[in-house]
């Protein structure tokens, strides 16, 4: 009877589940999560209908958002926003030798995007509180560049 793999032993508690990677959050279905480190940037492909939520975890952390349409033009109206700058934070990061800068430079080059022609939206910074969130709904396909410059 012990060789039967379906044999049930009564009186024994089931083995508890194990946590393989403690602290790793589980995202809701169709949710992606990215983290821009201070002094860095990241490039994300976005599409029509995407919902974007940007959170200032610590407070007082400036953030710059740049959107580029599929044809290479910078256009913040794809987030329903207007430009407040010309990508100063991104330009400062791209002038360095940081790995984030190299990745972002390559992503822009692949798409034929000239950093000098970009417009940006500044969110958070000076008076933002920890946990403050900005939300956007995407109405055109392209890329989103998130910049955490440290200062703008």
N, C-alpha and C. Protein backbone atom coordinates (compact mmCIF):
# COMPACT_ATOMS: atom_id res chain seq x y z
N UNK A 1 0.82 -1.19 0.00
CA UNK A 1 0.00 0.00 0.00
C UNK A 1 0.86 1.26 0.00
N UNK A 2 2.05 1.21 0.56
CA UNK A 2 2.92 2.38 0.61
C UNK A 2 3.47 2.73 -0.78
N UNK A 3 3.49 1.78 -1.70
CA UNK A 3 3.99 2.08 -3.04
C UNK A 3 2.95 2.80 -3.89
N UNK A 4 1.72 2.87 -3.42
CA UNK A 4 0.66 3.59 -4.13
C UNK A 4 0.91 5.09 -3.98
N UNK A 5 1.18 5.85 -5.10
CA UNK A 5 1.47 7.29 -4.99
C UNK A 5 0.27 8.11 -4.52
N UNK A 6 -0.92 7.57 -4.59
CA UNK A 6 -2.12 8.29 -4.19
C UNK A 6 -2.55 7.95 -2.77
N UNK A 7 -1.72 7.20 -2.10
CA UNK A 7 -2.04 6.79 -0.73
C UNK A 7 -2.09 8.02 0.18
N UNK A 8 -3.14 8.17 0.93
CA UNK A 8 -3.31 9.30 1.83
C UNK A 8 -3.02 8.84 3.25
N UNK A 9 -2.15 9.58 3.90
CA UNK A 9 -1.82 9.28 5.29
C UNK A 9 -2.64 10.22 6.15
N UNK A 10 -3.52 9.69 6.92
CA UNK A 10 -4.36 10.55 7.75
C UNK A 10 -3.61 10.96 9.00
N UNK A 11 -3.99 12.10 9.53
CA UNK A 11 -3.39 12.58 10.77
C UNK A 11 -2.17 13.47 10.55
N UNK A 12 -1.70 13.65 9.31
CA UNK A 12 -0.56 14.51 9.04
C UNK A 12 -1.05 15.82 8.40
N UNK A 13 -0.52 16.92 8.88
CA UNK A 13 -0.89 18.22 8.32
C UNK A 13 -0.22 18.41 6.96
N UNK A 14 -0.88 19.13 6.05
CA UNK A 14 -0.24 19.39 4.76
C UNK A 14 1.01 20.25 4.93
N UNK A 15 1.96 20.08 4.05
CA UNK A 15 3.19 20.87 4.10
C UNK A 15 2.89 22.32 3.72
N UNK A 16 3.38 23.29 4.46
CA UNK A 16 3.10 24.69 4.13
C UNK A 16 3.83 25.13 2.86
N UNK A 17 3.28 26.14 2.21
CA UNK A 17 3.92 26.71 1.02
C UNK A 17 5.21 27.39 1.43
N UNK A 18 6.14 27.47 0.50
CA UNK A 18 7.40 28.14 0.77
C UNK A 18 7.48 29.42 -0.05
N UNK A 19 8.08 30.43 0.54
CA UNK A 19 8.30 31.68 -0.19
C UNK A 19 9.68 31.57 -0.83
N UNK A 20 9.71 31.60 -2.15
CA UNK A 20 10.97 31.44 -2.85
C UNK A 20 11.74 32.74 -2.95
N UNK A 21 11.05 33.85 -3.14
CA UNK A 21 11.71 35.15 -3.24
C UNK A 21 10.96 36.15 -2.36
N UNK A 22 11.31 36.24 -1.10
CA UNK A 22 10.58 37.14 -0.21
C UNK A 22 10.72 38.59 -0.67
N UNK A 23 9.66 39.34 -0.52
CA UNK A 23 9.67 40.76 -0.86
C UNK A 23 9.34 41.06 -2.31
N UNK A 24 9.25 40.05 -3.16
CA UNK A 24 8.91 40.27 -4.56
C UNK A 24 7.40 40.44 -4.65
N UNK A 25 6.99 41.59 -5.19
CA UNK A 25 5.55 41.84 -5.32
C UNK A 25 4.97 41.06 -6.49
N UNK A 26 3.73 40.70 -6.35
CA UNK A 26 3.02 40.04 -7.44
C UNK A 26 2.15 41.10 -8.10
N UNK A 27 2.33 41.29 -9.39
CA UNK A 27 1.55 42.27 -10.12
C UNK A 27 0.19 41.70 -10.50
N UNK A 28 -0.77 42.60 -10.60
CA UNK A 28 -2.08 42.22 -11.11
C UNK A 28 -1.90 41.83 -12.58
N UNK A 29 -2.82 41.03 -13.13
CA UNK A 29 -2.71 40.67 -14.54
C UNK A 29 -2.62 41.92 -15.42
N UNK A 30 -1.83 41.85 -16.47
CA UNK A 30 -1.63 42.96 -17.42
C UNK A 30 -1.00 44.20 -16.79
N UNK A 31 -0.25 44.01 -15.72
CA UNK A 31 0.43 45.11 -15.05
C UNK A 31 1.93 44.90 -15.13
N UNK A 32 2.63 45.96 -15.49
CA UNK A 32 4.09 45.93 -15.50
C UNK A 32 4.58 46.96 -14.49
N UNK A 33 5.72 46.69 -13.88
CA UNK A 33 6.26 47.62 -12.89
C UNK A 33 7.73 47.84 -13.21
N UNK A 34 8.12 49.13 -13.24
CA UNK A 34 9.50 49.51 -13.51
C UNK A 34 9.96 50.45 -12.41
N UNK A 35 11.26 50.49 -12.19
CA UNK A 35 11.81 51.40 -11.19
C UNK A 35 12.96 52.18 -11.83
N UNK A 36 12.84 53.50 -11.82
CA UNK A 36 13.92 54.35 -12.34
C UNK A 36 14.79 54.74 -11.15
N UNK A 37 16.05 54.37 -11.21
CA UNK A 37 16.93 54.72 -10.10
C UNK A 37 17.34 56.18 -10.22
N UNK A 38 17.67 56.79 -9.09
CA UNK A 38 18.09 58.19 -9.07
C UNK A 38 19.27 58.43 -10.00
N UNK A 39 19.20 59.47 -10.79
CA UNK A 39 20.26 59.78 -11.74
C UNK A 39 20.21 58.90 -12.97
N UNK A 40 19.10 58.20 -13.17
CA UNK A 40 18.98 57.28 -14.30
C UNK A 40 17.74 57.53 -15.13
N UNK A 41 17.58 56.68 -16.14
CA UNK A 41 16.43 56.79 -17.03
C UNK A 41 16.08 55.40 -17.52
N UNK A 42 14.87 55.27 -18.04
CA UNK A 42 14.46 54.03 -18.67
C UNK A 42 13.50 54.32 -19.80
N UNK A 43 13.49 53.42 -20.77
CA UNK A 43 12.66 53.57 -21.97
C UNK A 43 11.68 52.41 -22.01
N UNK A 44 10.40 52.72 -22.18
CA UNK A 44 9.33 51.72 -22.16
C UNK A 44 8.46 51.90 -23.40
N UNK A 45 8.15 50.81 -24.08
CA UNK A 45 7.19 50.87 -25.19
C UNK A 45 5.79 51.01 -24.62
N UNK A 46 5.00 51.90 -25.20
CA UNK A 46 3.63 52.11 -24.74
C UNK A 46 2.69 52.06 -25.94
N UNK A 47 1.43 51.73 -25.67
CA UNK A 47 0.44 51.63 -26.73
C UNK A 47 -0.88 52.27 -26.34
N UNK A 48 -1.73 52.46 -27.31
CA UNK A 48 -3.04 53.07 -27.10
C UNK A 48 -3.80 52.30 -26.02
N UNK A 49 -4.36 53.03 -25.06
CA UNK A 49 -5.15 52.43 -23.99
C UNK A 49 -4.35 52.08 -22.75
N UNK A 50 -3.01 52.10 -22.84
CA UNK A 50 -2.20 51.83 -21.65
C UNK A 50 -2.48 52.89 -20.59
N UNK A 51 -2.44 52.47 -19.36
CA UNK A 51 -2.58 53.40 -18.23
C UNK A 51 -1.25 53.43 -17.51
N UNK A 52 -0.76 54.65 -17.29
CA UNK A 52 0.55 54.83 -16.66
C UNK A 52 0.36 55.53 -15.33
N UNK A 53 1.00 54.96 -14.33
CA UNK A 53 0.98 55.54 -12.99
C UNK A 53 2.43 55.70 -12.54
N UNK A 54 2.81 56.93 -12.20
CA UNK A 54 4.18 57.22 -11.75
C UNK A 54 4.09 57.66 -10.30
N UNK A 55 4.89 57.01 -9.45
CA UNK A 55 4.82 57.30 -8.01
C UNK A 55 6.16 57.84 -7.51
N UNK A 56 6.08 58.91 -6.72
CA UNK A 56 7.25 59.46 -6.04
C UNK A 56 7.31 58.77 -4.68
N UNK A 57 8.09 57.72 -4.57
CA UNK A 57 8.09 56.90 -3.36
C UNK A 57 8.60 57.65 -2.14
N UNK A 58 9.68 58.40 -2.30
CA UNK A 58 10.31 59.07 -1.15
C UNK A 58 9.83 60.49 -0.93
N UNK A 59 9.26 61.12 -1.94
CA UNK A 59 8.88 62.52 -1.84
C UNK A 59 10.04 63.41 -2.28
N UNK A 60 9.71 64.58 -2.81
CA UNK A 60 10.68 65.59 -3.24
C UNK A 60 11.61 65.11 -4.36
N UNK A 61 11.22 64.04 -5.07
CA UNK A 61 12.06 63.49 -6.14
C UNK A 61 11.55 63.96 -7.50
N UNK A 62 12.31 64.80 -8.20
CA UNK A 62 11.85 65.26 -9.52
C UNK A 62 11.82 64.10 -10.52
N UNK A 63 10.90 64.20 -11.46
CA UNK A 63 10.77 63.18 -12.51
C UNK A 63 10.45 63.91 -13.80
N UNK A 64 11.01 63.43 -14.87
CA UNK A 64 10.78 64.00 -16.18
C UNK A 64 10.22 62.90 -17.08
N UNK A 65 9.11 63.18 -17.75
CA UNK A 65 8.51 62.23 -18.68
C UNK A 65 8.66 62.78 -20.09
N UNK A 66 9.06 61.91 -21.01
CA UNK A 66 9.20 62.27 -22.41
C UNK A 66 8.51 61.18 -23.22
N UNK A 67 7.68 61.57 -24.16
CA UNK A 67 7.04 60.59 -25.03
C UNK A 67 7.47 60.84 -26.47
N UNK A 68 7.63 59.75 -27.20
CA UNK A 68 8.03 59.83 -28.59
C UNK A 68 7.09 58.93 -29.39
N UNK A 69 6.47 59.52 -30.41
CA UNK A 69 5.58 58.76 -31.29
C UNK A 69 6.37 57.77 -32.13
N UNK A 70 5.67 56.86 -32.75
CA UNK A 70 6.31 55.83 -33.59
C UNK A 70 7.14 56.44 -34.72
N UNK A 71 6.77 57.65 -35.18
CA UNK A 71 7.51 58.29 -36.28
C UNK A 71 8.72 59.09 -35.79
N UNK A 72 9.00 59.06 -34.47
CA UNK A 72 10.18 59.72 -33.92
C UNK A 72 9.96 61.11 -33.38
N UNK A 73 8.73 61.64 -33.51
CA UNK A 73 8.45 62.98 -33.00
C UNK A 73 8.09 62.94 -31.52
N UNK A 74 8.59 63.90 -30.77
CA UNK A 74 8.26 64.03 -29.36
C UNK A 74 6.90 64.71 -29.25
N UNK A 75 5.97 64.08 -28.51
CA UNK A 75 4.62 64.63 -28.42
C UNK A 75 3.96 64.18 -27.11
N UNK A 76 3.89 65.08 -26.15
CA UNK A 76 3.31 64.74 -24.84
C UNK A 76 1.79 64.67 -24.86
N UNK A 77 1.16 65.09 -25.97
CA UNK A 77 -0.30 64.97 -26.03
C UNK A 77 -0.72 63.50 -26.02
N UNK A 78 0.22 62.58 -26.32
CA UNK A 78 -0.14 61.16 -26.25
C UNK A 78 -0.39 60.73 -24.81
N UNK A 79 -0.03 61.57 -23.84
CA UNK A 79 -0.37 61.33 -22.43
C UNK A 79 -1.46 62.31 -21.97
N UNK A 80 -1.94 63.13 -22.90
CA UNK A 80 -2.93 64.14 -22.53
C UNK A 80 -2.29 65.27 -21.74
N UNK A 81 -1.00 65.54 -21.99
CA UNK A 81 -0.27 66.55 -21.22
C UNK A 81 0.39 67.55 -22.16
N UNK A 82 0.87 68.64 -21.59
CA UNK A 82 1.59 69.66 -22.34
C UNK A 82 3.03 69.71 -21.84
N UNK A 83 3.93 70.12 -22.72
CA UNK A 83 5.35 70.20 -22.37
C UNK A 83 5.60 71.32 -21.37
N UNK A 84 6.48 71.03 -20.42
CA UNK A 84 6.92 72.04 -19.46
C UNK A 84 8.43 72.25 -19.55
N UNK A 85 9.09 71.51 -20.46
CA UNK A 85 10.54 71.64 -20.60
C UNK A 85 11.02 71.01 -21.89
N UNK A 86 12.33 70.98 -22.04
CA UNK A 86 12.94 70.45 -23.26
C UNK A 86 13.86 69.26 -22.96
N UNK A 87 13.56 68.52 -21.93
CA UNK A 87 14.32 67.31 -21.61
C UNK A 87 15.68 67.58 -20.98
N UNK A 88 15.76 68.64 -20.17
CA UNK A 88 17.04 69.01 -19.55
C UNK A 88 17.63 67.87 -18.72
N UNK A 89 16.79 67.20 -17.95
CA UNK A 89 17.26 66.09 -17.11
C UNK A 89 17.82 64.96 -17.95
N UNK A 90 17.12 64.60 -19.02
CA UNK A 90 17.59 63.52 -19.89
C UNK A 90 18.91 63.92 -20.57
N UNK A 91 18.99 65.14 -21.04
CA UNK A 91 20.22 65.59 -21.71
C UNK A 91 21.41 65.53 -20.75
N UNK A 92 21.19 65.89 -19.50
CA UNK A 92 22.27 65.83 -18.50
C UNK A 92 22.71 64.39 -18.28
N UNK A 93 21.75 63.46 -18.20
CA UNK A 93 22.07 62.05 -18.00
C UNK A 93 22.79 61.48 -19.23
N UNK A 94 22.31 61.83 -20.44
CA UNK A 94 22.92 61.31 -21.66
C UNK A 94 24.36 61.79 -21.85
N UNK A 95 24.72 62.89 -21.22
CA UNK A 95 26.09 63.40 -21.35
C UNK A 95 27.08 62.60 -20.50
N UNK A 96 26.57 61.73 -19.62
CA UNK A 96 27.44 60.93 -18.76
C UNK A 96 27.74 59.57 -19.34
N UNK A 97 28.50 58.77 -18.58
CA UNK A 97 28.90 57.43 -19.03
C UNK A 97 28.20 56.32 -18.26
N UNK A 98 27.11 56.66 -17.60
CA UNK A 98 26.36 55.70 -16.80
C UNK A 98 25.73 54.63 -17.71
N UNK A 99 25.58 53.38 -17.22
CA UNK A 99 24.94 52.33 -18.04
C UNK A 99 23.52 52.70 -18.48
N UNK A 100 22.75 53.38 -17.62
CA UNK A 100 21.40 53.83 -18.00
C UNK A 100 21.49 54.78 -19.20
N UNK A 101 22.48 55.66 -19.18
CA UNK A 101 22.64 56.63 -20.26
C UNK A 101 22.95 55.91 -21.56
N UNK A 102 23.82 54.92 -21.51
CA UNK A 102 24.18 54.17 -22.72
C UNK A 102 22.96 53.45 -23.29
N UNK A 103 22.17 52.80 -22.42
CA UNK A 103 20.96 52.09 -22.88
C UNK A 103 19.97 53.06 -23.51
N UNK A 104 19.77 54.20 -22.86
CA UNK A 104 18.81 55.18 -23.37
C UNK A 104 19.30 55.77 -24.69
N UNK A 105 20.60 56.09 -24.77
CA UNK A 105 21.17 56.60 -26.03
C UNK A 105 20.93 55.61 -27.18
N UNK A 106 21.19 54.32 -26.92
CA UNK A 106 20.99 53.29 -27.96
C UNK A 106 19.52 53.20 -28.37
N UNK A 107 18.62 53.24 -27.38
CA UNK A 107 17.18 53.16 -27.68
C UNK A 107 16.75 54.34 -28.55
N UNK A 108 17.27 55.53 -28.28
CA UNK A 108 16.91 56.70 -29.07
C UNK A 108 17.52 56.61 -30.47
N UNK A 109 18.77 56.16 -30.55
CA UNK A 109 19.41 56.01 -31.86
C UNK A 109 18.68 55.01 -32.73
N UNK A 110 18.27 53.87 -32.15
CA UNK A 110 17.53 52.85 -32.92
C UNK A 110 16.26 53.41 -33.53
N UNK A 111 15.65 54.34 -32.83
CA UNK A 111 14.38 54.91 -33.29
C UNK A 111 14.58 56.21 -34.08
N UNK A 112 15.82 56.64 -34.25
CA UNK A 112 16.09 57.86 -35.01
C UNK A 112 15.63 59.12 -34.29
N UNK A 113 15.70 59.12 -32.97
CA UNK A 113 15.24 60.26 -32.17
C UNK A 113 16.42 61.15 -31.81
N UNK A 114 16.27 62.45 -32.08
CA UNK A 114 17.30 63.43 -31.73
C UNK A 114 16.98 64.00 -30.34
N UNK A 115 17.83 63.75 -29.34
CA UNK A 115 17.57 64.26 -27.98
C UNK A 115 17.38 65.77 -27.92
N UNK A 116 17.98 66.50 -28.85
CA UNK A 116 17.86 67.96 -28.85
C UNK A 116 16.44 68.41 -29.18
N UNK A 117 15.65 67.53 -29.82
CA UNK A 117 14.30 67.92 -30.26
C UNK A 117 13.19 67.48 -29.30
N UNK A 118 13.55 66.94 -28.15
CA UNK A 118 12.55 66.38 -27.24
C UNK A 118 11.89 67.44 -26.36
N UNK A 119 10.62 67.21 -26.09
CA UNK A 119 9.91 68.03 -25.11
C UNK A 119 9.59 67.14 -23.91
N UNK A 120 9.50 67.74 -22.74
CA UNK A 120 9.33 66.94 -21.52
C UNK A 120 8.26 67.53 -20.61
N UNK A 121 7.81 66.67 -19.72
CA UNK A 121 6.86 67.07 -18.68
C UNK A 121 7.52 66.79 -17.34
N UNK A 122 7.62 67.81 -16.52
CA UNK A 122 8.20 67.61 -15.20
C UNK A 122 7.06 67.35 -14.21
N UNK A 123 7.23 66.27 -13.45
CA UNK A 123 6.28 65.98 -12.38
C UNK A 123 7.09 65.81 -11.10
N UNK A 124 6.44 66.01 -10.00
CA UNK A 124 7.04 65.89 -8.67
C UNK A 124 8.17 66.91 -8.48
N UNK A 125 8.98 66.67 -7.47
CA UNK A 125 10.08 67.58 -7.17
C UNK A 125 9.79 68.41 -5.95
N UNK A 126 10.16 69.67 -5.99
CA UNK A 126 10.10 70.64 -4.90
C UNK A 126 9.17 70.39 -3.74
N UNK A 127 7.87 70.25 -4.00
CA UNK A 127 6.89 70.12 -2.92
C UNK A 127 6.19 68.77 -2.87
N UNK A 128 6.62 67.81 -3.68
CA UNK A 128 5.90 66.53 -3.73
C UNK A 128 6.09 65.75 -2.44
N UNK A 129 5.03 65.05 -2.07
CA UNK A 129 5.03 64.26 -0.84
C UNK A 129 5.31 62.79 -1.15
N UNK A 130 5.82 62.07 -0.19
CA UNK A 130 6.08 60.64 -0.35
C UNK A 130 4.78 59.93 -0.73
N UNK A 131 4.84 59.09 -1.75
CA UNK A 131 3.68 58.34 -2.19
C UNK A 131 2.80 59.06 -3.20
N UNK A 132 3.11 60.31 -3.51
CA UNK A 132 2.32 61.06 -4.48
C UNK A 132 2.37 60.35 -5.84
N UNK A 133 1.24 60.35 -6.54
CA UNK A 133 1.13 59.61 -7.80
C UNK A 133 0.58 60.50 -8.90
N UNK A 134 1.11 60.34 -10.11
CA UNK A 134 0.58 61.00 -11.30
C UNK A 134 0.13 59.90 -12.26
N UNK A 135 -1.07 60.06 -12.83
CA UNK A 135 -1.61 59.03 -13.71
C UNK A 135 -1.93 59.60 -15.08
N UNK A 136 -1.73 58.76 -16.09
CA UNK A 136 -1.94 59.16 -17.47
C UNK A 136 -2.55 57.99 -18.25
N UNK A 137 -3.32 58.33 -19.28
CA UNK A 137 -3.86 57.32 -20.20
C UNK A 137 -3.27 57.61 -21.57
N UNK A 138 -2.71 56.59 -22.18
CA UNK A 138 -2.00 56.73 -23.45
C UNK A 138 -2.99 56.69 -24.61
N UNK A 139 -2.86 57.66 -25.56
CA UNK A 139 -3.77 57.70 -26.70
C UNK A 139 -3.07 57.53 -28.04
N UNK A 140 -1.78 57.15 -28.02
CA UNK A 140 -1.03 56.87 -29.25
C UNK A 140 0.13 55.94 -28.91
N UNK A 141 0.58 55.17 -29.87
CA UNK A 141 1.70 54.25 -29.64
C UNK A 141 3.04 54.94 -29.78
N UNK A 142 4.01 54.47 -29.03
CA UNK A 142 5.36 55.03 -29.10
C UNK A 142 6.18 54.55 -27.92
N UNK A 143 7.03 55.43 -27.42
CA UNK A 143 7.84 55.09 -26.25
C UNK A 143 7.68 56.17 -25.19
N UNK A 144 7.88 55.75 -23.95
CA UNK A 144 7.89 56.65 -22.81
C UNK A 144 9.29 56.59 -22.22
N UNK A 145 9.88 57.75 -22.01
CA UNK A 145 11.18 57.83 -21.35
C UNK A 145 10.93 58.43 -19.99
N UNK A 146 11.29 57.69 -18.95
CA UNK A 146 11.14 58.16 -17.57
C UNK A 146 12.54 58.52 -17.08
N UNK A 147 12.68 59.73 -16.60
CA UNK A 147 13.98 60.23 -16.15
C UNK A 147 13.88 60.61 -14.68
N UNK A 148 14.81 60.10 -13.89
CA UNK A 148 14.91 60.46 -12.46
C UNK A 148 16.24 61.20 -12.31
N UNK A 149 16.28 62.48 -12.67
CA UNK A 149 17.55 63.19 -12.78
C UNK A 149 18.22 63.57 -11.46
N UNK A 150 17.48 63.54 -10.38
CA UNK A 150 18.03 64.03 -9.12
C UNK A 150 17.74 65.51 -8.97
N UNK A 151 18.11 66.31 -9.97
CA UNK A 151 17.75 67.73 -10.00
C UNK A 151 17.43 68.11 -11.44
N UNK A 152 16.54 69.09 -11.56
CA UNK A 152 16.23 69.62 -12.91
C UNK A 152 16.36 71.12 -12.82
